[in-house]
PDB file of N, CA and C in Angstrom:
ATOM      1  N   MET A   1      -4.382 -38.484 -13.501  1.00  0.00           N
ATOM      2  CA  MET A   1      -4.828 -37.468 -13.255  1.00  0.00           C
ATOM      3  C   MET A   1      -4.988 -36.046 -14.243  1.00  0.00           C
ATOM      4  N   THR A   2      -6.289 -35.956 -14.686  1.00  0.00           N
ATOM      5  CA  THR A   2      -6.276 -34.860 -15.572  1.00  0.00           C
ATOM      6  C   THR A   2      -6.167 -33.370 -14.994  1.00  0.00           C
ATOM      7  N   THR A   3      -5.942 -32.275 -15.957  1.00  0.00           N
ATOM      8  CA  THR A   3      -5.823 -30.975 -15.344  1.00  0.00           C
ATOM      9  C   THR A   3      -7.137 -30.575 -14.779  1.00  0.00           C
ATOM     10  N   ALA A   4      -8.332 -31.113 -15.167  1.00  0.00           N
ATOM     11  CA  ALA A   4      -9.481 -30.423 -14.532  1.00  0.00           C
ATOM     12  C   ALA A   4     -10.004 -30.977 -13.280  1.00  0.00           C
ATOM     13  N   THR A   5      -9.670 -32.264 -13.227  1.00  0.00           N
ATOM     14  CA  THR A   5      -9.699 -33.080 -11.884  1.00  0.00           C
ATOM     15  C   THR A   5      -8.839 -32.371 -11.081  1.00  0.00           C
ATOM     16  N   LEU A   6      -7.651 -32.025 -11.392  1.00  0.00           N
ATOM     17  CA  LEU A   6      -6.428 -31.533 -10.442  1.00  0.00           C
ATOM     18  C   LEU A   6      -6.874 -30.160  -9.817  1.00  0.00           C
ATOM     19  N   LEU A   7      -7.496 -29.058 -10.912  1.00  0.00           N
ATOM     20  CA  LEU A   7      -7.957 -27.962 -10.414  1.00  0.00           C
ATOM     21  C   LEU A   7      -9.026 -28.114  -9.676  1.00  0.00           C
ATOM     22  N   SER A   8     -10.118 -28.940  -9.974  1.00  0.00           N
ATOM     23  CA  SER A   8     -11.441 -29.042  -9.041  1.00  0.00           C
ATOM     24  C   SER A   8     -10.831 -29.486  -7.646  1.00  0.00           C
ATOM     25  N   ALA A   9     -10.034 -30.290  -7.412  1.00  0.00           N
ATOM     26  CA  ALA A   9      -9.389 -30.903  -6.176  1.00  0.00           C
ATOM     27  C   ALA A   9      -8.838 -29.774  -5.474  1.00  0.00           C
ATOM     28  N   ALA A  10      -8.163 -29.116  -6.066  1.00  0.00           N
ATOM     29  CA  ALA A  10      -7.379 -27.702  -5.371  1.00  0.00           C
ATOM     30  C   ALA A  10      -8.321 -26.789  -5.072  1.00  0.00           C
ATOM     31  N   SER A  11      -9.419 -26.399  -6.061  1.00  0.00           N
ATOM     32  CA  SER A  11     -10.266 -25.328  -5.656  1.00  0.00           C
ATOM     33  C   SER A  11     -11.189 -25.905  -4.381  1.00  0.00           C
ATOM     34  N   PHE A  12     -11.427 -27.132  -4.410  1.00  0.00           N
ATOM     35  CA  PHE A  12     -12.663 -27.725  -3.179  1.00  0.00           C
ATOM     36  C   PHE A  12     -11.443 -27.529  -1.931  1.00  0.00           C
ATOM     37  N   PHE A  13     -10.146 -27.905  -2.017  1.00  0.00           N
ATOM     38  CA  PHE A  13      -9.231 -27.754  -0.816  1.00  0.00           C
ATOM     39  C   PHE A  13      -9.034 -26.148  -0.448  1.00  0.00           C
ATOM     40  N   ALA A  14      -8.981 -25.202  -1.406  1.00  0.00           N
ATOM     41  CA  ALA A  14      -8.718 -23.881  -1.094  1.00  0.00           C
ATOM     42  C   ALA A  14     -10.088 -23.315  -0.531  1.00  0.00           C
ATOM     43  N   LEU A  15     -11.169 -23.775  -0.968  1.00  0.00           N
ATOM     44  CA  LEU A  15     -12.470 -23.367  -0.218  1.00  0.00           C
ATOM     45  C   LEU A  15     -12.815 -24.126   1.035  1.00  0.00           C
ATOM     46  N   ALA A  16     -12.333 -25.294   1.474  1.00  0.00           N
ATOM     47  CA  ALA A  16     -12.411 -25.859   2.718  1.00  0.00           C
ATOM     48  C   ALA A  16     -11.484 -24.949   3.716  1.00  0.00           C
ATOM     49  N   CYS A  17     -10.392 -24.640   3.115  1.00  0.00           N
ATOM     50  CA  CYS A  17      -9.384 -24.069   3.905  1.00  0.00           C
ATOM     51  C   CYS A  17      -9.828 -22.817   4.428  1.00  0.00           C
ATOM     52  N   VAL A  18     -10.692 -21.738   3.563  1.00  0.00           N
ATOM     53  CA  VAL A  18     -11.074 -20.559   3.563  1.00  0.00           C
ATOM     54  C   VAL A  18     -12.287 -20.552   4.633  1.00  0.00           C
ATOM     55  N   VAL A  19     -13.204 -21.881   4.329  1.00  0.00           N
ATOM     56  CA  VAL A  19     -14.238 -21.674   5.065  1.00  0.00           C
ATOM     57  C   VAL A  19     -13.834 -22.293   6.691  1.00  0.00           C
ATOM     58  N   LEU A  20     -12.688 -22.797   6.970  1.00  0.00           N
ATOM     59  CA  LEU A  20     -12.214 -23.243   7.993  1.00  0.00           C
ATOM     60  C   LEU A  20     -11.659 -21.863   8.856  1.00  0.00           C
ATOM     61  N   ALA A  21     -10.986 -21.104   7.928  1.00  0.00           N
ATOM     62  CA  ALA A  21     -10.545 -19.842   8.437  1.00  0.00           C
ATOM     63  C   ALA A  21     -11.454 -18.874   8.834  1.00  0.00           C
ATOM     64  N   MET A  22     -12.710 -18.790   7.978  1.00  0.00           N
ATOM     65  CA  MET A  22     -13.836 -18.063   8.727  1.00  0.00           C
ATOM     66  C   MET A  22     -14.432 -18.511   9.954  1.00  0.00           C
ATOM     67  N   LEU A  23     -14.518 -19.736  10.121  1.00  0.00           N
ATOM     68  CA  LEU A  23     -15.016 -20.220  11.215  1.00  0.00           C
ATOM     69  C   LEU A  23     -14.203 -19.883  12.491  1.00  0.00           C
ATOM     70  N   LEU A  24     -12.909 -20.018  12.266  1.00  0.00           N
ATOM     71  CA  LEU A  24     -11.968 -19.410  13.396  1.00  0.00           C
ATOM     72  C   LEU A  24     -12.122 -17.883  13.630  1.00  0.00           C
ATOM     73  N   CYS A  25     -12.212 -17.244  12.779  1.00  0.00           N
ATOM     74  CA  CYS A  25     -12.201 -16.033  12.725  1.00  0.00           C
ATOM     75  C   CYS A  25     -13.606 -15.409  13.418  1.00  0.00           C
ATOM     76  N   THR A  26     -14.598 -16.356  13.184  1.00  0.00           N
ATOM     77  CA  THR A  26     -16.033 -16.069  13.945  1.00  0.00           C
ATOM     78  C   THR A  26     -15.900 -16.429  15.293  1.00  0.00           C
ATOM     79  N   LEU A  27     -15.228 -17.540  15.814  1.00  0.00           N
ATOM     80  CA  LEU A  27     -14.993 -17.864  16.846  1.00  0.00           C
ATOM     81  C   LEU A  27     -14.166 -16.502  17.783  1.00  0.00           C
ATOM     82  N   ARG A  28     -13.162 -16.189  17.349  1.00  0.00           N
ATOM     83  CA  ARG A  28     -12.316 -14.896  17.668  1.00  0.00           C
ATOM     84  C   ARG A  28     -13.100 -13.936  18.003  1.00  0.00           C
ATOM     85  N   LEU A  29     -13.932 -13.485  16.935  1.00  0.00           N
ATOM     86  CA  LEU A  29     -14.642 -12.300  17.080  1.00  0.00           C
ATOM     87  C   LEU A  29     -15.813 -12.551  18.226  1.00  0.00           C
ATOM     88  N   MET A  30     -16.276 -13.801  18.512  1.00  0.00           N
ATOM     89  CA  MET A  30     -17.481 -13.892  19.634  1.00  0.00           C
ATOM     90  C   MET A  30     -16.743 -13.874  20.910  1.00  0.00           C
ATOM     91  N   ILE A  31     -15.336 -14.537  21.140  1.00  0.00           N
ATOM     92  CA  ILE A  31     -14.825 -14.660  22.447  1.00  0.00           C
ATOM     93  C   ILE A  31     -13.603 -14.006  22.692  1.00  0.00           C
ATOM     94  N   GLY A  32     -13.348 -12.813  21.663  1.00  0.00           N
ATOM     95  CA  GLY A  32     -12.115 -11.995  21.934  1.00  0.00           C
ATOM     96  C   GLY A  32     -12.141 -11.356  23.383  1.00  0.00           C
ATOM     97  N   PRO A  33     -11.261 -11.369  23.991  1.00  0.00           N
ATOM     98  CA  PRO A  33     -11.044 -10.613  25.189  1.00  0.00           C
ATOM     99  C   PRO A  33     -10.983  -9.248  25.109  1.00  0.00           C
ATOM    100  N   ALA A  34     -10.220  -8.403  24.208  1.00  0.00           N
ATOM    101  CA  ALA A  34     -10.314  -7.206  24.041  1.00  0.00           C
ATOM    102  C   ALA A  34     -10.959  -6.811  22.657  1.00  0.00           C
ATOM    103  N   ALA A  35     -11.329  -5.458  22.592  1.00  0.00           N
ATOM    104  CA  ALA A  35     -11.864  -4.885  21.389  1.00  0.00           C
ATOM    105  C   ALA A  35     -10.980  -5.064  20.219  1.00  0.00           C
ATOM    106  N   GLN A  36      -9.638  -4.763  20.504  1.00  0.00           N
ATOM    107  CA  GLN A  36      -8.579  -4.976  19.592  1.00  0.00           C
ATOM    108  C   GLN A  36      -8.581  -6.130  18.884  1.00  0.00           C
ATOM    109  N   ASP A  37      -8.664  -7.186  19.500  1.00  0.00           N
ATOM    110  CA  ASP A  37      -8.823  -8.748  19.174  1.00  0.00           C
ATOM    111  C   ASP A  37     -10.275  -8.971  18.088  1.00  0.00           C
ATOM    112  N   ARG A  38     -11.082  -8.263  18.529  1.00  0.00           N
ATOM    113  CA  ARG A  38     -12.350  -8.284  17.737  1.00  0.00           C
ATOM    114  C   ARG A  38     -12.360  -7.553  16.383  1.00  0.00           C
ATOM    115  N   VAL A  39     -11.637  -6.463  16.453  1.00  0.00           N
ATOM    116  CA  VAL A  39     -11.359  -5.620  15.075  1.00  0.00           C
ATOM    117  C   VAL A  39     -10.418  -6.457  14.217  1.00  0.00           C
ATOM    118  N   LEU A  40      -9.509  -7.049  14.605  1.00  0.00           N
ATOM    119  CA  LEU A  40      -8.447  -8.031  13.892  1.00  0.00           C
ATOM    120  C   LEU A  40      -9.255  -9.060  13.124  1.00  0.00           C
ATOM    121  N   ALA A  41     -10.068  -9.720  14.155  1.00  0.00           N
ATOM    122  CA  ALA A  41     -10.795 -10.854  13.621  1.00  0.00           C
ATOM    123  C   ALA A  41     -11.729 -10.360  12.781  1.00  0.00           C
ATOM    124  N   LEU A  42     -12.439  -9.143  12.730  1.00  0.00           N
ATOM    125  CA  LEU A  42     -13.183  -8.893  11.700  1.00  0.00           C
ATOM    126  C   LEU A  42     -12.711  -8.199  10.531  1.00  0.00           C
ATOM    127  N   ASP A  43     -11.444  -8.065  10.562  1.00  0.00           N
ATOM    128  CA  ASP A  43     -10.481  -7.594   9.397  1.00  0.00           C
ATOM    129  C   ASP A  43     -10.225  -8.740   8.725  1.00  0.00           C
ATOM    130  N   THR A  44      -9.821 -10.124   9.345  1.00  0.00           N
ATOM    131  CA  THR A  44      -9.531 -11.048   8.811  1.00  0.00           C
ATOM    132  C   THR A  44     -10.832 -11.784   8.176  1.00  0.00           C
ATOM    133  N   LEU A  45     -11.929 -11.459   8.747  1.00  0.00           N
ATOM    134  CA  LEU A  45     -13.022 -12.198   8.334  1.00  0.00           C
ATOM    135  C   LEU A  45     -13.703 -11.542   7.144  1.00  0.00           C
ATOM    136  N   TRP A  46     -13.298 -10.304   6.972  1.00  0.00           N
ATOM    137  CA  TRP A  46     -13.453  -9.725   5.409  1.00  0.00           C
ATOM    138  C   TRP A  46     -12.693  -9.900   4.351  1.00  0.00           C
ATOM    139  N   MET A  47     -11.551 -10.360   4.890  1.00  0.00           N
ATOM    140  CA  MET A  47     -10.356 -10.868   3.798  1.00  0.00           C
ATOM    141  C   MET A  47     -10.959 -12.124   3.516  1.00  0.00           C
ATOM    142  N   CYS A  48     -11.156 -13.157   4.570  1.00  0.00           N
ATOM    143  CA  CYS A  48     -11.697 -14.343   4.053  1.00  0.00           C
ATOM    144  C   CYS A  48     -12.798 -14.459   3.021  1.00  0.00           C
ATOM    145  N   ALA A  49     -13.666 -13.474   3.460  1.00  0.00           N
ATOM    146  CA  ALA A  49     -14.868 -13.474   2.580  1.00  0.00           C
ATOM    147  C   ALA A  49     -14.434 -13.113   1.268  1.00  0.00           C
ATOM    148  N   MET A  50     -13.508 -12.143   1.096  1.00  0.00           N
ATOM    149  CA  MET A  50     -13.153 -11.796  -0.434  1.00  0.00           C
ATOM    150  C   MET A  50     -12.434 -12.976  -1.208  1.00  0.00           C
ATOM    151  N   LEU A  51     -11.770 -13.671  -0.033  1.00  0.00           N
ATOM    152  CA  LEU A  51     -10.985 -14.932  -0.972  1.00  0.00           C
ATOM    153  C   LEU A  51     -11.888 -15.982  -1.084  1.00  0.00           C
ATOM    154  N   LEU A  52     -13.018 -16.083  -0.438  1.00  0.00           N
ATOM    155  CA  LEU A  52     -13.974 -16.938  -0.757  1.00  0.00           C
ATOM    156  C   LEU A  52     -14.809 -16.658  -2.044  1.00  0.00           C
ATOM    157  N   ALA A  53     -15.138 -15.112  -2.197  1.00  0.00           N
ATOM    158  CA  ALA A  53     -15.402 -14.904  -3.552  1.00  0.00           C
ATOM    159  C   ALA A  53     -14.635 -15.318  -4.650  1.00  0.00           C
ATOM    160  N   LEU A  54     -13.240 -15.071  -4.384  1.00  0.00           N
ATOM    161  CA  LEU A  54     -12.381 -15.192  -5.495  1.00  0.00           C
ATOM    162  C   LEU A  54     -12.515 -16.707  -5.734  1.00  0.00           C
ATOM    163  N   VAL A  55     -12.315 -17.452  -4.892  1.00  0.00           N
ATOM    164  CA  VAL A  55     -12.375 -18.890  -5.198  1.00  0.00           C
ATOM    165  C   VAL A  55     -13.327 -19.620  -5.779  1.00  0.00           C
ATOM    166  N   LEU A  56     -14.627 -18.886  -5.259  1.00  0.00           N
ATOM    167  CA  LEU A  56     -15.923 -19.363  -6.060  1.00  0.00           C
ATOM    168  C   LEU A  56     -15.848 -18.897  -7.465  1.00  0.00           C
ATOM    169  N   GLY A  57     -15.407 -17.823  -7.769  1.00  0.00           N
ATOM    170  CA  GLY A  57     -15.362 -17.300  -9.194  1.00  0.00           C
ATOM    171  C   GLY A  57     -14.361 -18.045 -10.156  1.00  0.00           C
ATOM    172  N   ILE A  58     -13.407 -18.493  -9.380  1.00  0.00           N
ATOM    173  CA  ILE A  58     -12.640 -19.297 -10.185  1.00  0.00           C
ATOM    174  C   ILE A  58     -13.231 -20.666 -10.553  1.00  0.00           C
ATOM    175  N   ARG A  59     -13.825 -21.312  -9.462  1.00  0.00           N
ATOM    176  CA  ARG A  59     -14.466 -22.571  -9.541  1.00  0.00           C
ATOM    177  C   ARG A  59     -15.623 -22.444 -10.751  1.00  0.00           C
ATOM    178  N   GLN A  60     -16.529 -21.540 -10.391  1.00  0.00           N
ATOM    179  CA  GLN A  60     -17.643 -21.558 -11.237  1.00  0.00           C
ATOM    180  C   GLN A  60     -17.305 -20.751 -12.607  1.00  0.00           C
ATOM    181  N   GLY A  61     -16.331 -19.931 -12.784  1.00  0.00           N
ATOM    182  CA  GLY A  61     -15.772 -19.572 -14.082  1.00  0.00           C
ATOM    183  C   GLY A  61     -16.723 -18.112 -14.507  1.00  0.00           C
ATOM    184  N   SER A  62     -17.231 -17.497 -13.316  1.00  0.00           N
ATOM    185  CA  SER A  62     -17.934 -16.285 -13.570  1.00  0.00           C
ATOM    186  C   SER A  62     -17.528 -15.149 -12.846  1.00  0.00           C
ATOM    187  N   GLN A  63     -17.600 -13.823 -13.889  1.00  0.00           N
ATOM    188  CA  GLN A  63     -17.139 -12.607 -13.659  1.00  0.00           C
ATOM    189  C   GLN A  63     -17.610 -12.042 -12.241  1.00  0.00           C
ATOM    190  N   ILE A  64     -18.861 -12.197 -12.210  1.00  0.00           N
ATOM    191  CA  ILE A  64     -19.683 -11.582 -10.872  1.00  0.00           C
ATOM    192  C   ILE A  64     -19.060 -11.833  -9.481  1.00  0.00           C
ATOM    193  N   TYR A  65     -18.309 -12.805  -9.348  1.00  0.00           N
ATOM    194  CA  TYR A  65     -17.645 -13.282  -8.130  1.00  0.00           C
ATOM    195  C   TYR A  65     -16.493 -12.104  -7.974  1.00  0.00           C
ATOM    196  N   PHE A  66     -15.915 -11.961  -9.055  1.00  0.00           N
ATOM    197  CA  PHE A  66     -14.564 -10.953  -9.010  1.00  0.00           C
ATOM    198  C   PHE A  66     -15.080  -9.660  -8.541  1.00  0.00           C
ATOM    199  N   GLU A  67     -16.053  -9.195  -9.223  1.00  0.00           N
ATOM    200  CA  GLU A  67     -16.616  -7.879  -8.706  1.00  0.00           C
ATOM    201  C   GLU A  67     -17.062  -7.799  -7.417  1.00  0.00           C
ATOM    202  N   ALA A  68     -17.728  -8.822  -6.778  1.00  0.00           N
ATOM    203  CA  ALA A  68     -18.089  -9.018  -5.471  1.00  0.00           C
ATOM    204  C   ALA A  68     -17.032  -8.948  -4.584  1.00  0.00           C
ATOM    205  N   ALA A  69     -15.846  -9.637  -4.953  1.00  0.00           N
ATOM    206  CA  ALA A  69     -14.849  -9.686  -4.116  1.00  0.00           C
ATOM    207  C   ALA A  69     -14.240  -8.164  -3.926  1.00  0.00           C
ATOM    208  N   LEU A  70     -14.099  -7.188  -5.343  1.00  0.00           N
ATOM    209  CA  LEU A  70     -13.630  -5.990  -5.194  1.00  0.00           C
ATOM    210  C   LEU A  70     -14.469  -5.160  -4.435  1.00  0.00           C
ATOM    211  N   ILE A  71     -15.855  -5.062  -4.108  1.00  0.00           N
ATOM    212  CA  ILE A  71     -16.864  -4.534  -3.324  1.00  0.00           C
ATOM    213  C   ILE A  71     -16.627  -4.770  -2.030  1.00  0.00           C
ATOM    214  N   ILE A  72     -16.184  -6.262  -1.590  1.00  0.00           N
ATOM    215  CA  ILE A  72     -15.975  -6.574  -0.235  1.00  0.00           C
ATOM    216  C   ILE A  72     -14.562  -5.946   0.136  1.00  0.00           C
ATOM    217  N   ALA A  73     -13.750  -6.016  -0.714  1.00  0.00           N
ATOM    218  CA  ALA A  73     -12.379  -5.634  -0.203  1.00  0.00           C
ATOM    219  C   ALA A  73     -12.526  -3.923  -0.182  1.00  0.00           C
ATOM    220  N   LEU A  74     -13.215  -3.240  -0.927  1.00  0.00           N
ATOM    221  CA  LEU A  74     -13.331  -1.879  -0.599  1.00  0.00           C
ATOM    222  C   LEU A  74     -13.976  -1.495   0.843  1.00  0.00           C
ATOM    223  N   LEU A  75     -15.149  -2.171   0.835  1.00  0.00           N
ATOM    224  CA  LEU A  75     -15.998  -1.918   2.020  1.00  0.00           C
ATOM    225  C   LEU A  75     -15.194  -2.322   3.332  1.00  0.00           C
ATOM    226  N   GLY A  76     -14.466  -3.512   3.194  1.00  0.00           N
ATOM    227  CA  GLY A  76     -13.690  -3.989   4.304  1.00  0.00           C
ATOM    228  C   GLY A  76     -12.707  -3.295   4.866  1.00  0.00           C
ATOM    229  N   PHE A  77     -11.887  -2.491   3.748  1.00  0.00           N
ATOM    230  CA  PHE A  77     -10.713  -1.544   4.349  1.00  0.00           C
ATOM    231  C   PHE A  77     -11.409  -0.422   4.879  1.00  0.00           C
ATOM    232  N   VAL A  78     -12.358   0.074   4.230  1.00  0.00           N
ATOM    233  CA  VAL A  78     -12.901   1.311   5.019  1.00  0.00           C
ATOM    234  C   VAL A  78     -13.671   1.122   6.485  1.00  0.00           C
ATOM    235  N   SER A  79     -14.246   0.006   6.639  1.00  0.00           N
ATOM    236  CA  SER A  79     -14.720  -0.343   7.869  1.00  0.00           C
ATOM    237  C   SER A  79     -13.673  -0.758   8.810  1.00  0.00           C
ATOM    238  N   THR A  80     -12.585  -1.047   8.479  1.00  0.00           N
ATOM    239  CA  THR A  80     -11.418  -1.365   9.488  1.00  0.00           C
ATOM    240  C   THR A  80     -10.786  -0.025   9.731  1.00  0.00           C
ATOM    241  N   ILE A  81     -10.636   0.863   8.933  1.00  0.00           N
ATOM    242  CA  ILE A  81     -10.112   2.214   9.032  1.00  0.00           C
ATOM    243  C   ILE A  81     -11.107   2.821  10.070  1.00  0.00           C
ATOM    244  N   ALA A  82     -12.328   2.993   9.862  1.00  0.00           N
ATOM    245  CA  ALA A  82     -13.352   3.573  10.908  1.00  0.00           C
ATOM    246  C   ALA A  82     -13.368   2.792  12.121  1.00  0.00           C
ATOM    247  N   LEU A  83     -13.215   1.268  12.191  1.00  0.00           N
ATOM    248  CA  LEU A  83     -13.229   0.866  13.561  1.00  0.00           C
ATOM    249  C   LEU A  83     -11.954   1.083  14.523  1.00  0.00           C
ATOM    250  N   ALA A  84     -10.808   1.233  13.539  1.00  0.00           N
ATOM    251  CA  ALA A  84      -9.293   1.469  14.177  1.00  0.00           C
ATOM    252  C   ALA A  84      -9.445   3.029  14.836  1.00  0.00           C
ATOM    253  N   LYS A  85      -9.996   4.046  14.026  1.00  0.00           N
ATOM    254  CA  LYS A  85     -10.038   5.120  14.361  1.00  0.00           C
ATOM    255  C   LYS A  85     -10.893   5.557  15.421  1.00  0.00           C
ATOM    256  N   PHE A  86     -11.958   4.822  15.502  1.00  0.00           N
ATOM    257  CA  PHE A  86     -12.969   4.733  16.617  1.00  0.00           C
ATOM    258  C   PHE A  86     -12.380   4.112  17.980  1.00  0.00           C
ATOM    259  N   LEU A  87     -11.505   3.122  17.822  1.00  0.00           N
ATOM    260  CA  LEU A  87     -10.766   2.784  19.183  1.00  0.00           C
ATOM    261  C   LEU A  87      -9.712   3.426  19.472  1.00  0.00           C
ATOM    262  N   MET A  88      -9.165   4.263  18.584  1.00  0.00           N
ATOM    263  CA  MET A  88      -8.030   5.118  18.918  1.00  0.00           C
ATOM    264  C   MET A  88      -8.586   6.441  19.512  1.00  0.00           C
ATOM    265  N   ARG A  89      -9.740   7.107  19.266  1.00  0.00           N
ATOM    266  CA  ARG A  89     -10.017   8.435  19.306  1.00  0.00           C
ATOM    267  C   ARG A  89     -11.551   8.627  19.979  1.00  0.00           C
ATOM    268  N   GLY A  90     -12.113   7.439  20.075  1.00  0.00           N
ATOM    269  CA  GLY A  90     -13.643   7.434  20.441  1.00  0.00           C
ATOM    270  C   GLY A  90     -14.393   8.038  19.669  1.00  0.00           C
ATOM    271  N   GLU A  91     -14.171   8.611  18.295  1.00  0.00           N
ATOM    272  CA  GLU A  91     -14.801   9.170  17.568  1.00  0.00           C
ATOM    273  C   GLU A  91     -14.597   8.720  16.139  1.00  0.00           C
ATOM    274  N   VAL A  92     -15.429   8.642  15.245  1.00  0.00           N
ATOM    275  CA  VAL A  92     -15.226   8.420  13.690  1.00  0.00           C
ATOM    276  C   VAL A  92     -14.978   9.892  12.879  1.00  0.00           C
ATOM    277  N   ILE A  93     -16.074  10.599  12.993  1.00  0.00           N
ATOM    278  CA  ILE A  93     -16.038  12.042  12.219  1.00  0.00           C
ATOM    279  C   ILE A  93     -15.615  12.889  13.107  1.00  0.00           C
ATOM    280  N   GLU A  94     -14.584  13.632  13.042  1.00  0.00           N
ATOM    281  CA  GLU A  94     -14.249  14.772  13.874  1.00  0.00           C
ATOM    282  C   GLU A  94     -14.937  16.041  13.535  1.00  0.00           C
TER     283      GLU A  94
END
């Protein structure tokens, strides 16, 4: 088994695992019994989206996916903080 074949198989496996995790997070987001469960599922979902962009960047060998992953990480962090603040205080901007 060559190195290129091994890398291709490993990246396909990682891609499948990330997509499965995204599906499970989406399921938790839809049926979560509490708002905190939904926020945690959304937090995990943007993290999985960032990982998906990184795996696609490694698989395709393109720099644009890494920049997209950085933007997803920044926006996901800010949105998680805003949602957590909203759940704690009932308002985002004081």
